[in-house]
Structure formats: structure tokens, C-alpha cells
Amino acid sequence: MNSNKKALVLGATGGIGGEVARLLMQRGWEVTALHRNPASVSDKSTAHFWLPGDVMKQEDVIQAAMGKSLIVHAVNPPGYRDWEKLVLPMMDNSIAAAKATGARIVLPGTVYNFGPDVFPSVSEDAAQFPITKKGKIRVELEHRLRLAASKGVKSLIVRAGDFFGPKAANSWFSQGLVTPGKSPSVVRYPGNAGIGHQWAYLPDVAETMVRLIERESELEKFARFHMDGHWDHDGKQMVKAIGMATGNTDLKGSWFPWPVFRLLAPFQQTLKEMLEMRYLWRAQVRMSNKKLVDFLGDEPRTPLDIAVRTTLTGLGCIKPKVANLELNSNFVSSH
């Protein structure tokens, strides 16, 4: 157990950063967030302290990290803009801060690192030959953390499937399957029929990260774990869960407008990036959580129906069931 329970969270206003920050606070950690304009943050419940500063400025990150044992690096450029210009410098600044303070960096990872050559079952040490720009940047992020580990900088990477959750605004679930603020009459499903897909509920990802953080002394300097999350074996289970949550059991998956994406991609960066990731919907790919289960004993997993209902409620797609206590996160550990 880490005796210095002080953390710096970069990206505390985002989906995964906010979830990890809230959970750390519940577990007795003192959480500090770095934000360019803290006065503009309407919900400051994800941190005890909000410091003004820019993640792109190394001195700001180092100063904010002083006295901390943990740096949660959950910051990303909004709308996928300028990834190639911003993502790597931000990581370099976190590495510099970790080197100066001895803190461990925690990075939410993705399947983007991997190409079709290692599908369908992917382990933590699988070869990384991505076929997309974002994937190549992700590989470089991890390469820099591995190199830093050889110089004493500790890190933890938890890779998971496509995020969904009540605060996951920038996700396939909220930008593809449903429309926030509207009750879904159909679900625009991007995948091919019969192809499985891996999903990750944000509160489960946060719980997994914090459980690993709580076993700091047992972690490798460069530690990597995969989550299984919710495995939709045929692409129909997520659609079915959305139908159950909305009370429309006849809800079907509809045609996804990939041709429209192709036409508009040159003018809209988000659509361009989503189109680039289409290969992950055309092939079955599943990250194996064997290492995680061997280490923790199980994987935190909220039942899919509760996770989807909570997500749709948070996105304003359905009204909250005030009397239904299931809307609170209800972790069920399973392999």
C-alpha cells in the first residue's frame, strides 16, 4: 500500500480522468487537478485542489506534481484535433514530472496499438504494428514510457475496449450508437454482423486502475494490463441492452453511415479519425485479461444492463429511475 496517497490528475474534467479522480478521493487520496482555467470548471467534485496550468508547459506539470506519488495521465486533445502535435509533448511533460518527483504515471490504454497481424486474441506483450496514425502515436507513447522505465520512471498502462459510461461524451457509444439527449429509436451499429466487439464501462476501468494502484509495491516499473470488459460476441448484445434500458425490446441495429463519413471526413476531423478506426469493427479482436485476473484475482465488471442504463441516463437518452438503486455502480467481479 502506498503511504503517500497524493495524486495529480491530468484530464480530471474528462470521462476516464474524472472517474479515476472521484474513485481515488473515495479511497482516501488527496487529488489535485491541473487546468488552464479552473474558474471555468463547473463541476469541481473530481478533485480537492484545482491548480491553474497548462499540460503543454513542462514547468507547470512538474510544479503540480511536487509531493505526489501518482500522475494520472488522462488528457487528450478534444475532438482528435492536432493529435500528432500535442499528444507526445504532453506525455514528455508527465515523464519529466515523474522523474522529478518519483511518481508513477498511470495511462489509460487502447487497442489502437495493435494491427490485424495479432488478431483475434491480444496479450499485453503482443507485437505492435498499428495501421493507423492514432495507433502509431499510441505505440510511441508507450515506447517513451518503456524507455523512461529503464531510467527509473514507473508507469502503469491499463488497456481496455471502447469506452462507454455516463460521462464518456467522446466515444463510439455516444457519437455513433446513440444521440445524446434523444431516446434511441434505432441503434446505428458500426460493426459487421456476427463480429464480436469489446466494450469497457468507465467506472469499471477506474476501479481496475485503482485496485492496481493500491498494490503499487507489487507492480513492475513498466506495468501493463488488459481488461476484458464487456465482450459482445456477435455485435447484438449491446443493441439488445440498449433496447432493454429504453423499454423497447424490439430495438434493432441499423445501417451505419460509413459512406457519409467518407464523404465528410476531409472536412471534419472527428469523422476522419472514426473512419480510420473502421478496421476494428470489421475484424474480431479481443484483448485477453488473463494477466489481470492472475494478479487481482478477478476483474471489476458492472452488469451490462446496469452499465448501459446508467450510461443512457447520463447522456440524457432516458429519464433516471429515481427509485431504482441499481443506477449506482454495482460492481460484480467475474473473470
Protein backbone atom coordinates (compact mmCIF):
# COMPACT_ATOMS: atom_id res chain seq x y z
CA MET A 1 0.00 0.00 0.00
CA ASN A 2 1.29 3.46 -0.91
CA SER A 3 1.69 5.65 2.19
CA ASN A 4 1.79 8.82 0.08
CA LYS A 5 -1.78 8.99 -1.15
CA LYS A 6 -1.48 12.19 -3.15
CA ALA A 7 -2.29 12.21 -6.86
CA LEU A 8 -2.15 14.66 -9.74
CA VAL A 9 -4.86 14.04 -12.33
CA LEU A 10 -4.37 15.47 -15.81
CA GLY A 11 -7.72 15.40 -17.58
CA ALA A 12 -9.92 15.47 -14.47
CA THR A 13 -12.78 17.04 -16.45
CA GLY A 14 -12.80 14.14 -18.92
CA GLY A 15 -14.51 10.77 -18.80
CA ILE A 16 -11.79 8.43 -17.58
CA GLY A 17 -9.81 11.13 -15.73
CA GLY A 18 -12.90 12.18 -13.81
CA GLU A 19 -13.86 8.62 -12.91
CA VAL A 20 -10.38 7.77 -11.63
CA ALA A 21 -10.14 11.05 -9.70
CA ARG A 22 -13.51 10.52 -7.99
CA LEU A 23 -12.64 6.96 -7.04
CA LEU A 24 -9.23 7.95 -5.69
CA MET A 25 -10.94 10.54 -3.48
CA GLN A 26 -13.35 7.89 -2.20
CA ARG A 27 -10.37 5.69 -1.31
CA GLY A 28 -8.79 8.43 0.78
CA TRP A 29 -6.45 10.01 -1.75
CA GLU A 30 -5.77 13.75 -1.91
CA VAL A 31 -6.40 14.67 -5.55
CA THR A 32 -5.07 17.71 -7.36
CA ALA A 33 -6.19 18.65 -10.86
CA LEU A 34 -4.33 20.84 -13.35
CA HIS A 35 -6.46 23.00 -15.64
CA ARG A 36 -5.76 26.02 -17.82
CA ASN A 37 -8.74 27.87 -16.38
CA PRO A 38 -10.03 26.32 -13.14
CA ALA A 39 -12.62 29.09 -12.75
CA SER A 40 -14.38 27.80 -15.87
CA VAL A 41 -14.86 24.28 -14.46
CA SER A 42 -18.47 23.93 -13.39
CA ASP A 43 -18.07 20.59 -11.63
CA LYS A 44 -15.08 20.59 -9.33
CA SER A 45 -16.12 17.43 -7.48
CA THR A 46 -13.35 15.38 -9.14
CA ALA A 47 -10.51 16.98 -7.17
CA HIS A 48 -9.74 18.58 -3.82
CA PHE A 49 -7.49 21.20 -5.38
CA TRP A 50 -7.58 22.85 -8.81
CA LEU A 51 -4.34 24.44 -9.96
CA PRO A 52 -4.05 26.77 -12.95
CA GLY A 53 -1.60 25.44 -15.50
CA ASP A 54 -1.08 24.00 -18.96
CA VAL A 55 -0.18 20.35 -19.59
CA MET A 56 1.80 21.60 -22.60
CA LYS A 57 4.12 23.50 -20.25
CA GLN A 58 6.59 21.20 -18.57
CA GLU A 59 7.27 23.51 -15.64
CA ASP A 60 3.53 23.65 -14.84
CA VAL A 61 3.25 19.86 -14.74
CA ILE A 62 6.39 19.42 -12.65
CA GLN A 63 5.25 22.04 -10.15
CA ALA A 64 1.78 20.49 -9.86
CA ALA A 65 3.30 17.03 -9.36
CA MET A 66 5.53 18.01 -6.45
CA GLY A 67 4.80 15.87 -3.41
CA LYS A 68 2.63 13.44 -5.38
CA SER A 69 3.16 9.70 -5.76
CA LEU A 70 0.82 9.32 -8.71
CA ILE A 71 0.22 11.13 -12.02
CA VAL A 72 -2.92 10.07 -13.87
CA HIS A 73 -2.26 10.98 -17.50
CA ALA A 74 -5.80 11.02 -18.89
CA VAL A 75 -5.59 14.12 -21.04
CA ASN A 76 -6.29 14.13 -24.79
CA PRO A 77 -6.79 16.91 -27.34
CA PRO A 78 -10.56 17.47 -27.78
CA GLY A 79 -12.16 16.23 -30.96
CA TYR A 80 -8.98 14.42 -32.05
CA ARG A 81 -7.54 17.76 -33.22
CA ASP A 82 -3.75 18.10 -33.52
CA TRP A 83 -3.04 14.71 -32.02
CA GLU A 84 0.32 14.49 -33.77
CA LYS A 85 1.36 17.90 -32.37
CA LEU A 86 0.08 17.66 -28.79
CA VAL A 87 -0.10 14.09 -27.52
CA LEU A 88 3.61 13.25 -27.39
CA PRO A 89 4.76 16.57 -25.85
CA MET A 90 2.12 16.17 -23.13
CA MET A 91 3.47 12.71 -22.31
CA ASP A 92 7.04 14.02 -22.29
CA ASN A 93 5.97 16.58 -19.69
CA SER A 94 4.38 13.91 -17.50
CA ILE A 95 7.54 11.80 -17.76
CA ALA A 96 9.66 14.80 -16.74
CA ALA A 97 7.35 15.39 -13.75
CA ALA A 98 7.50 11.73 -12.73
CA LYS A 99 11.29 11.75 -12.99
CA ALA A 100 11.46 14.85 -10.78
CA THR A 101 9.06 13.53 -8.13
CA GLY A 102 9.29 9.72 -8.22
CA ALA A 103 5.59 9.44 -9.01
CA ARG A 104 4.11 6.61 -11.08
CA ILE A 105 2.36 7.56 -14.32
CA VAL A 106 -0.98 5.87 -14.99
CA LEU A 107 -2.11 5.83 -18.62
CA PRO A 108 -5.47 4.61 -19.97
CA GLY A 109 -4.56 2.48 -22.98
CA THR A 110 -6.46 1.26 -26.03
CA VAL A 111 -6.41 -1.48 -28.64
CA TYR A 112 -5.24 1.06 -31.24
CA ASN A 113 -1.63 -0.07 -30.67
CA PHE A 114 -2.30 -3.35 -32.42
CA GLY A 115 -2.78 -4.27 -36.05
CA PRO A 116 -4.60 -7.21 -37.68
CA ASP A 117 -1.42 -9.30 -37.58
CA VAL A 118 -2.05 -10.17 -33.91
CA PHE A 119 -5.85 -10.57 -34.03
CA PRO A 120 -8.09 -12.07 -32.73
CA SER A 121 -6.67 -12.63 -29.21
CA VAL A 122 -4.24 -9.97 -27.98
CA SER A 123 -1.96 -10.21 -24.94
CA GLU A 124 -0.08 -7.35 -23.26
CA ASP A 125 3.22 -8.18 -24.95
CA ALA A 126 1.81 -8.76 -28.45
CA ALA A 127 3.72 -7.14 -31.32
CA GLN A 128 2.59 -3.60 -32.07
CA PHE A 129 2.30 -2.87 -35.78
CA PRO A 130 -0.63 -0.43 -36.00
CA ILE A 131 -2.10 0.60 -39.33
CA THR A 132 -3.47 3.99 -38.28
CA LYS A 133 -1.98 7.36 -37.34
CA LYS A 134 -3.51 7.27 -33.87
CA GLY A 135 -2.21 3.76 -33.36
CA LYS A 136 1.34 4.78 -34.24
CA ILE A 137 1.15 7.68 -31.77
CA ARG A 138 -0.12 5.29 -29.10
CA VAL A 139 2.82 2.97 -29.74
CA GLU A 140 5.22 5.89 -29.41
CA LEU A 141 3.57 6.93 -26.12
CA GLU A 142 4.20 3.51 -24.66
CA HIS A 143 7.70 3.35 -26.14
CA ARG A 144 8.59 6.55 -24.29
CA LEU A 145 7.21 5.13 -21.04
CA ARG A 146 9.21 1.91 -21.52
CA LEU A 147 12.35 3.92 -22.17
CA ALA A 148 11.65 6.08 -19.11
CA ALA A 149 11.21 2.93 -17.00
CA SER A 150 14.80 1.96 -17.82
CA LYS A 151 15.77 5.27 -16.21
CA GLY A 152 13.69 4.73 -13.08
CA VAL A 153 10.34 6.27 -14.06
CA LYS A 154 7.46 3.96 -13.11
CA SER A 155 4.29 3.63 -15.19
CA LEU A 156 1.07 1.63 -15.36
CA ILE A 157 -0.90 1.12 -18.58
CA VAL A 158 -4.39 -0.35 -18.48
CA ARG A 159 -5.69 -1.12 -21.96
CA ALA A 160 -9.42 -1.56 -22.48
CA GLY A 161 -12.02 -1.73 -25.24
CA ASP A 162 -14.27 1.07 -26.47
CA PHE A 163 -15.27 3.26 -23.54
CA PHE A 164 -18.86 3.92 -22.56
CA GLY A 165 -20.32 5.50 -19.46
CA PRO A 166 -22.46 8.39 -18.23
CA LYS A 167 -19.64 10.90 -18.77
CA ALA A 168 -18.00 9.38 -21.85
CA ALA A 169 -19.06 12.10 -24.28
CA ASN A 170 -16.29 11.38 -26.78
CA SER A 171 -16.93 7.72 -27.53
CA TRP A 172 -18.33 5.36 -30.14
CA PHE A 173 -21.32 4.76 -27.88
CA SER A 174 -22.31 8.44 -27.62
CA GLN A 175 -21.15 9.57 -31.06
CA GLY A 176 -22.13 6.53 -33.04
CA LEU A 177 -24.69 4.20 -31.49
CA VAL A 178 -26.98 6.80 -29.92
CA THR A 179 -27.54 10.54 -29.93
CA PRO A 180 -27.17 12.29 -26.54
CA GLY A 181 -30.41 13.91 -25.40
CA LYS A 182 -32.60 11.73 -27.61
CA SER A 183 -34.36 8.46 -26.91
CA PRO A 184 -32.98 5.96 -29.46
CA SER A 185 -35.49 4.59 -31.95
CA VAL A 186 -32.71 2.67 -33.70
CA VAL A 187 -29.07 1.96 -32.86
CA ARG A 188 -26.54 2.87 -35.50
CA TYR A 189 -24.16 -0.07 -35.12
CA PRO A 190 -20.76 0.32 -36.86
CA GLY A 191 -19.74 -3.34 -36.83
CA ASN A 192 -20.21 -6.17 -39.28
CA ALA A 193 -22.86 -8.76 -38.49
CA GLY A 194 -21.57 -11.61 -36.35
CA ILE A 195 -18.28 -9.86 -35.45
CA GLY A 196 -17.57 -9.57 -31.74
CA HIS A 197 -16.60 -6.26 -30.13
CA GLN A 198 -15.02 -5.31 -26.80
CA TRP A 199 -16.52 -2.56 -24.63
CA ALA A 200 -15.26 -1.01 -21.39
CA TYR A 201 -17.52 0.69 -18.84
CA LEU A 202 -15.64 3.70 -17.47
CA PRO A 203 -16.38 3.08 -13.76
CA ASP A 204 -15.05 -0.47 -14.20
CA VAL A 205 -11.88 0.85 -15.85
CA ALA A 206 -11.39 3.30 -12.98
CA GLU A 207 -11.98 0.57 -10.38
CA THR A 208 -9.44 -1.67 -12.11
CA MET A 209 -6.85 1.10 -12.22
CA VAL A 210 -7.30 2.00 -8.57
CA ARG A 211 -7.11 -1.63 -7.43
CA LEU A 212 -3.80 -1.92 -9.29
CA ILE A 213 -2.58 1.39 -7.87
CA GLU A 214 -3.35 0.12 -4.39
CA ARG A 215 -0.84 -2.69 -4.99
CA GLU A 216 1.95 -0.34 -6.03
CA SER A 217 4.72 -2.31 -4.34
CA GLU A 218 3.91 -5.39 -6.45
CA LEU A 219 3.84 -3.64 -9.82
CA GLU A 220 6.64 -3.76 -12.35
CA LYS A 221 8.27 -0.46 -13.25
CA PHE A 222 6.65 -0.69 -16.68
CA ALA A 223 3.37 -2.46 -15.88
CA ARG A 224 0.73 -3.30 -18.48
CA PHE A 225 -2.65 -4.99 -18.08
CA HIS A 226 -5.56 -5.74 -20.40
CA MET A 227 -9.23 -5.64 -19.43
CA ASP A 228 -11.84 -7.91 -20.94
CA GLY A 229 -14.72 -5.55 -20.10
CA HIS A 230 -17.97 -6.47 -21.82
CA TRP A 231 -17.48 -8.82 -24.74
CA ASP A 232 -20.29 -8.55 -27.29
CA HIS A 233 -19.73 -11.82 -29.12
CA ASP A 234 -21.93 -11.13 -32.13
CA GLY A 235 -22.49 -7.35 -32.15
CA LYS A 236 -26.07 -7.77 -30.99
CA GLN A 237 -25.72 -7.76 -27.22
CA MET A 238 -25.08 -4.03 -26.86
CA VAL A 239 -28.06 -3.25 -29.10
CA LYS A 240 -30.20 -5.60 -27.02
CA ALA A 241 -29.04 -3.95 -23.78
CA ILE A 242 -29.94 -0.50 -25.13
CA GLY A 243 -33.37 -1.82 -26.08
CA MET A 244 -33.92 -3.25 -22.61
CA ALA A 245 -32.83 0.01 -20.96
CA THR A 246 -35.21 2.09 -23.10
CA GLY A 247 -38.10 -0.33 -22.74
CA ASN A 248 -38.06 -1.02 -26.48
CA THR A 249 -37.24 -4.71 -26.72
CA ASP A 250 -37.81 -4.59 -30.48
CA LEU A 251 -34.96 -2.09 -30.96
CA LYS A 252 -32.71 -3.10 -33.83
CA GLY A 253 -29.27 -2.22 -35.06
CA SER A 254 -29.47 -0.08 -38.18
CA TRP A 255 -27.20 0.77 -41.07
CA PHE A 256 -24.20 2.85 -40.05
CA PRO A 257 -23.45 5.79 -42.37
CA TRP A 258 -19.87 4.86 -43.26
CA PRO A 259 -20.24 6.25 -46.84
CA VAL A 260 -21.33 9.59 -45.38
CA PHE A 261 -18.31 9.57 -43.09
CA ARG A 262 -16.09 9.02 -46.11
CA LEU A 263 -17.61 11.99 -47.92
CA LEU A 264 -17.42 14.35 -44.94
CA ALA A 265 -14.13 13.16 -43.42
CA PRO A 266 -11.95 15.66 -45.34
CA PHE A 267 -13.89 18.47 -43.68
CA GLN A 268 -14.48 17.03 -40.19
CA GLN A 269 -11.55 15.73 -38.12
CA THR A 270 -13.64 13.60 -35.77
CA LEU A 271 -15.28 11.75 -38.66
CA LYS A 272 -11.87 11.28 -40.27
CA GLU A 273 -10.48 9.70 -37.12
CA MET A 274 -13.53 7.49 -36.65
CA LEU A 275 -13.28 6.31 -40.25
CA GLU A 276 -9.63 5.40 -39.71
CA MET A 277 -10.67 3.05 -36.90
CA ARG A 278 -13.16 1.12 -39.01
CA TYR A 279 -10.80 -1.86 -39.19
CA LEU A 280 -11.57 -2.58 -35.53
CA TRP A 281 -15.24 -3.08 -36.41
CA ARG A 282 -14.56 -5.37 -39.37
CA ALA A 283 -12.49 -7.97 -37.52
CA GLN A 284 -12.85 -9.80 -34.25
CA VAL A 285 -10.28 -8.58 -31.74
CA ARG A 286 -10.32 -9.30 -28.04
CA MET A 287 -7.68 -8.29 -25.51
CA SER A 288 -7.07 -11.08 -23.01
CA ASN A 289 -7.38 -10.24 -19.30
CA LYS A 290 -5.57 -13.36 -18.08
CA LYS A 291 -2.67 -11.38 -16.61
CA LEU A 292 -5.07 -9.01 -14.83
CA VAL A 293 -7.11 -11.84 -13.33
CA ASP A 294 -3.96 -13.67 -12.25
CA PHE A 295 -2.79 -10.50 -10.48
CA LEU A 296 -6.04 -9.18 -8.95
CA GLY A 297 -7.99 -12.42 -8.69
CA ASP A 298 -10.85 -11.06 -10.79
CA GLU A 299 -11.85 -8.13 -12.98
CA PRO A 300 -14.35 -5.48 -11.81
CA ARG A 301 -17.41 -5.76 -14.03
CA THR A 302 -20.72 -3.94 -13.64
CA PRO A 303 -23.61 -5.96 -15.18
CA LEU A 304 -24.19 -4.80 -18.74
CA ASP A 305 -27.83 -3.84 -18.23
CA ILE A 306 -26.96 -1.56 -15.30
CA ALA A 307 -23.96 -0.08 -17.13
CA VAL A 308 -25.97 0.70 -20.27
CA ARG A 309 -28.94 2.11 -18.32
CA THR A 310 -26.63 4.35 -16.30
CA THR A 311 -24.86 5.49 -19.46
CA LEU A 312 -28.09 6.33 -21.30
CA THR A 313 -29.33 8.21 -18.24
CA GLY A 314 -26.13 10.22 -18.06
CA LEU A 315 -26.36 11.05 -21.76
CA GLY A 316 -29.95 12.24 -21.37
CA CYS A 317 -31.34 9.48 -23.58
CA ILE A 318 -33.66 8.14 -20.87
CA LYS A 319 -35.05 9.61 -17.67
CA PRO A 320 -33.45 8.47 -14.42
CA LYS A 321 -35.33 5.91 -12.37
CA VAL A 322 -35.08 7.67 -9.03
CA ALA A 323 -36.34 4.69 -7.07
CA ASN A 324 -34.03 2.26 -8.81
CA LEU A 325 -30.89 1.98 -6.70
CA GLU A 326 -29.26 -0.09 -9.42
CA LEU A 327 -28.29 3.14 -11.13
CA ASN A 328 -25.45 3.40 -8.67
CA SER A 329 -22.35 1.49 -9.76
CA ASN A 330 -22.75 -2.08 -8.67
CA PHE A 331 -19.57 -3.97 -9.28
CA VAL A 332 -19.74 -7.68 -9.84
CA SER A 333 -16.36 -9.36 -10.01
CA SER A 334 -16.02 -12.04 -12.62
CA HIS A 335 -13.45 -13.45 -14.92
